[in-house]
Amino acid sequence: MADSIIIYYDYTCPYSYRAACWLRRLEEAGRELEVEWKTFSLKEVNRSGGEPSVFDRQRAESVSVLALELAKAAQAAGPGVFERYHYRVFEAMHDDGRKLKASDLLTIARDAGLDTGRFEVERREGVWLHRVAKDHREGAERWKVFGTPTLVLHGEAAVYLKFTQASATPSAAAEVYDALVCLARCHPELVEIKHPRGAS
């Protein structure tokens, strides 16, 4: 039986990308996973009290929010489209170190198989921003998500992770996962672990 994981992410977050790489290694280790990616806007979390919400359609366009809107459209288009778009955006931002523009994101989405013309029409209607906001608010309200990546394991326990790097091998990824599941499910009293030395 597959392990169920919901992961709240933001493309601008390097820790979200490292968690994505870790999950890929975990699958290479032979673990069967059902991963559901849910959008969580760090721009919304970090806005000052006087600023309008990024989910306000009248607000100036944000590239980071556009990346999440395209992700929701790619998910609706099918798992193949989403996976191609999802990992290419992560890689462009974090492996290639590119500062992506709106046109770059649309090109990546188009190359992944998304009908970007239709997306633009639906975006103007607020379809995809609404879905990004829905994920974000659900995470904040139900799971108390405050940052990314936050994983919900087996629909029971939410954990916030920060990897300095992805696990080096599939077996190492599996070892981290098993320890994480044990701590999250069996020890809810443990809310934070940090390594004061060696973090980068």
Protein backbone atom coordinates (compact mmCIF):
# COMPACT_ATOMS: atom_id res chain seq x y z
CA MET A 1 0.00 0.00 0.00
CA ALA A 2 1.33 3.41 -0.99
CA ASP A 3 2.30 5.98 1.63
CA SER A 4 0.18 9.12 1.40
CA ILE A 5 2.05 12.44 1.51
CA ILE A 6 0.67 15.94 1.02
CA ILE A 7 3.39 18.54 0.55
CA TYR A 8 2.84 22.29 0.74
CA TYR A 9 5.47 24.08 -1.34
CA ASP A 10 6.55 27.32 -2.98
CA TYR A 11 8.85 27.32 -6.03
CA THR A 12 10.98 30.13 -4.63
CA CYS A 13 11.87 28.00 -1.60
CA PRO A 14 15.14 26.02 -1.94
CA TYR A 15 14.00 23.71 0.88
CA SER A 16 10.91 22.79 -1.16
CA TYR A 17 13.17 21.82 -4.06
CA ARG A 18 15.43 19.73 -1.83
CA ALA A 19 12.38 17.98 -0.40
CA ALA A 20 11.24 17.21 -3.96
CA CYS A 21 14.66 15.69 -4.72
CA TRP A 22 14.49 13.71 -1.47
CA LEU A 23 11.07 12.28 -2.41
CA ARG A 24 12.44 11.21 -5.80
CA ARG A 25 15.28 9.38 -4.05
CA LEU A 26 12.74 7.78 -1.76
CA GLU A 27 10.90 6.40 -4.80
CA GLU A 28 14.24 5.15 -6.15
CA ALA A 29 14.55 3.22 -2.87
CA GLY A 30 11.41 1.32 -3.85
CA ARG A 31 8.96 3.19 -1.65
CA GLU A 32 5.49 3.48 -3.13
CA LEU A 33 4.26 7.02 -2.58
CA GLU A 34 1.07 8.92 -3.32
CA VAL A 35 2.28 12.52 -3.30
CA GLU A 36 -0.13 15.43 -3.56
CA TRP A 37 1.54 18.80 -4.16
CA LYS A 38 -0.33 21.77 -2.69
CA THR A 39 0.54 25.41 -3.22
CA PHE A 40 1.51 27.67 -0.32
CA SER A 41 2.56 31.24 -1.07
CA LEU A 42 5.53 32.51 0.92
CA LYS A 43 4.85 35.95 -0.54
CA GLU A 44 1.46 35.88 1.19
CA VAL A 45 2.95 34.70 4.50
CA ASN A 46 5.66 37.37 4.46
CA ARG A 47 3.61 40.38 3.36
CA SER A 48 3.36 43.26 5.80
CA GLY A 49 0.07 43.92 7.55
CA GLY A 50 -0.70 46.99 5.46
CA GLU A 51 -0.23 45.26 2.10
CA PRO A 52 -3.14 43.68 0.22
CA SER A 53 -3.24 39.91 0.00
CA VAL A 54 -1.46 38.34 -2.98
CA PHE A 55 -4.77 36.59 -3.56
CA ASP A 56 -6.40 39.95 -4.29
CA ARG A 57 -6.83 40.01 -8.09
CA GLN A 58 -6.32 43.78 -8.12
CA ARG A 59 -2.80 43.46 -6.72
CA ALA A 60 0.21 43.87 -9.01
CA GLU A 61 1.31 40.64 -10.68
CA SER A 62 3.76 38.42 -8.81
CA VAL A 63 6.01 35.97 -10.66
CA SER A 64 6.09 33.63 -7.65
CA VAL A 65 2.28 33.52 -7.55
CA LEU A 66 2.10 33.04 -11.33
CA ALA A 67 4.37 29.99 -10.95
CA LEU A 68 1.86 28.51 -8.49
CA GLU A 69 -1.12 29.37 -10.71
CA LEU A 70 0.54 27.59 -13.62
CA ALA A 71 1.18 24.61 -11.35
CA LYS A 72 -2.53 24.32 -10.53
CA ALA A 73 -3.37 24.50 -14.25
CA ALA A 74 -0.72 21.87 -15.00
CA GLN A 75 -2.16 19.58 -12.33
CA ALA A 76 -5.59 19.92 -13.92
CA ALA A 77 -4.06 19.07 -17.32
CA GLY A 78 -2.71 15.75 -16.05
CA PRO A 79 0.14 14.23 -14.04
CA GLY A 80 2.58 14.19 -16.96
CA VAL A 81 2.12 17.89 -17.68
CA PHE A 82 2.43 18.75 -14.00
CA GLU A 83 5.57 16.69 -13.41
CA ARG A 84 7.34 18.19 -16.43
CA TYR A 85 6.41 21.73 -15.43
CA HIS A 86 6.98 21.24 -11.70
CA TYR A 87 10.51 19.88 -11.83
CA ARG A 88 11.62 22.18 -14.64
CA VAL A 89 10.61 25.27 -12.66
CA PHE A 90 12.40 23.97 -9.56
CA GLU A 91 15.52 23.11 -11.58
CA ALA A 92 15.56 26.46 -13.40
CA MET A 93 15.31 28.41 -10.15
CA HIS A 94 17.59 26.33 -7.95
CA ASP A 95 19.96 24.28 -10.12
CA ASP A 96 20.39 26.88 -12.86
CA GLY A 97 20.02 29.85 -10.48
CA ARG A 98 17.79 31.72 -12.91
CA LYS A 99 15.58 34.62 -11.89
CA LEU A 100 12.55 33.65 -13.92
CA LYS A 101 10.23 36.14 -15.56
CA ALA A 102 6.57 35.60 -16.39
CA SER A 103 7.50 34.83 -20.01
CA ASP A 104 9.97 32.16 -18.85
CA LEU A 105 7.31 30.43 -16.76
CA LEU A 106 4.82 30.47 -19.63
CA THR A 107 7.44 28.96 -21.94
CA ILE A 108 8.20 26.19 -19.45
CA ALA A 109 4.48 25.49 -19.06
CA ARG A 110 3.93 25.45 -22.83
CA ASP A 111 6.88 23.08 -23.32
CA ALA A 112 5.41 20.83 -20.61
CA GLY A 113 2.21 20.52 -22.63
CA LEU A 114 -0.04 23.15 -21.06
CA ASP A 115 -2.40 25.16 -23.28
CA THR A 116 -1.13 28.56 -22.14
CA GLY A 117 -3.63 30.46 -24.29
CA ARG A 118 -6.49 28.86 -22.41
CA PHE A 119 -4.61 29.37 -19.16
CA GLU A 120 -4.35 33.11 -19.78
CA VAL A 121 -8.12 33.36 -20.33
CA GLU A 122 -8.89 31.36 -17.19
CA ARG A 123 -6.32 33.32 -15.23
CA ARG A 124 -8.00 36.60 -16.08
CA GLU A 125 -11.19 35.07 -14.67
CA GLY A 126 -9.38 34.25 -11.42
CA VAL A 127 -9.74 30.47 -11.77
CA TRP A 128 -6.17 29.52 -10.88
CA LEU A 129 -5.55 32.20 -8.27
CA HIS A 130 -8.64 30.92 -6.46
CA ARG A 131 -7.20 27.40 -6.41
CA VAL A 132 -3.81 28.59 -5.16
CA ALA A 133 -5.55 30.53 -2.39
CA LYS A 134 -7.70 27.52 -1.49
CA ASP A 135 -4.63 25.29 -1.00
CA HIS A 136 -2.88 27.99 1.00
CA ARG A 137 -5.78 28.69 3.32
CA GLU A 138 -6.55 25.02 3.84
CA GLY A 139 -2.93 24.39 4.83
CA ALA A 140 -2.86 27.34 7.23
CA GLU A 141 -6.23 26.54 8.82
CA ARG A 142 -6.23 22.75 8.95
CA TRP A 143 -2.55 21.95 9.38
CA LYS A 144 -1.19 25.25 10.77
CA VAL A 145 1.27 25.47 7.86
CA PHE A 146 3.53 28.51 8.27
CA GLY A 147 6.34 27.73 5.83
CA THR A 148 7.52 25.40 3.12
CA PRO A 149 7.97 22.57 2.70
CA THR A 150 5.39 21.19 5.11
CA LEU A 151 4.50 17.52 4.70
CA VAL A 152 1.30 15.88 5.91
CA LEU A 153 2.04 12.20 6.49
CA HIS A 154 -0.77 9.66 6.12
CA GLY A 155 -3.32 12.42 6.67
CA GLU A 156 -2.35 12.50 10.34
CA ALA A 157 0.71 14.59 11.17
CA ALA A 158 2.16 17.75 9.61
CA VAL A 159 5.92 18.34 9.71
CA TYR A 160 8.00 21.26 8.47
CA LEU A 161 11.39 20.27 7.02
CA LYS A 162 14.58 22.06 6.01
CA PHE A 163 17.21 20.06 4.14
CA THR A 164 20.65 21.60 3.62
CA GLN A 165 20.90 19.11 0.74
CA ALA A 166 18.90 16.20 -0.59
CA SER A 167 19.77 12.73 0.69
CA ALA A 168 22.83 11.41 -1.13
CA THR A 169 21.43 7.94 -1.82
CA PRO A 170 18.04 6.22 -2.01
CA SER A 171 18.84 4.23 1.14
CA ALA A 172 19.68 7.44 3.03
CA ALA A 173 16.42 9.00 1.84
CA ALA A 174 14.50 5.97 3.15
CA GLU A 175 16.29 6.15 6.49
CA VAL A 176 15.33 9.82 6.92
CA TYR A 177 11.73 9.07 5.93
CA ASP A 178 11.31 6.20 8.38
CA ALA A 179 12.72 8.28 11.23
CA LEU A 180 10.50 11.21 10.28
CA VAL A 181 7.33 9.11 10.18
CA CYS A 182 8.15 7.60 13.57
CA LEU A 183 8.75 10.99 15.19
CA ALA A 184 5.75 12.68 13.56
CA ARG A 185 3.23 9.95 14.31
CA CYS A 186 4.44 8.63 17.66
CA HIS A 187 5.92 11.71 19.31
CA PRO A 188 3.66 14.75 18.81
CA GLU A 189 5.27 16.32 21.87
CA LEU A 190 8.46 16.81 19.82
CA VAL A 191 7.93 19.98 17.81
CA GLU A 192 11.42 21.02 16.74
CA ILE A 193 14.88 19.53 16.20
CA LYS A 194 17.85 21.63 15.09
CA HIS A 195 21.53 21.00 14.51
CA PRO A 196 23.20 24.17 15.86
CA ARG A 197 26.45 23.34 14.08
CA GLY A 198 27.08 22.40 10.50
CA ALA A 199 23.95 23.97 9.02
CA SER A 200 24.42 25.92 5.81
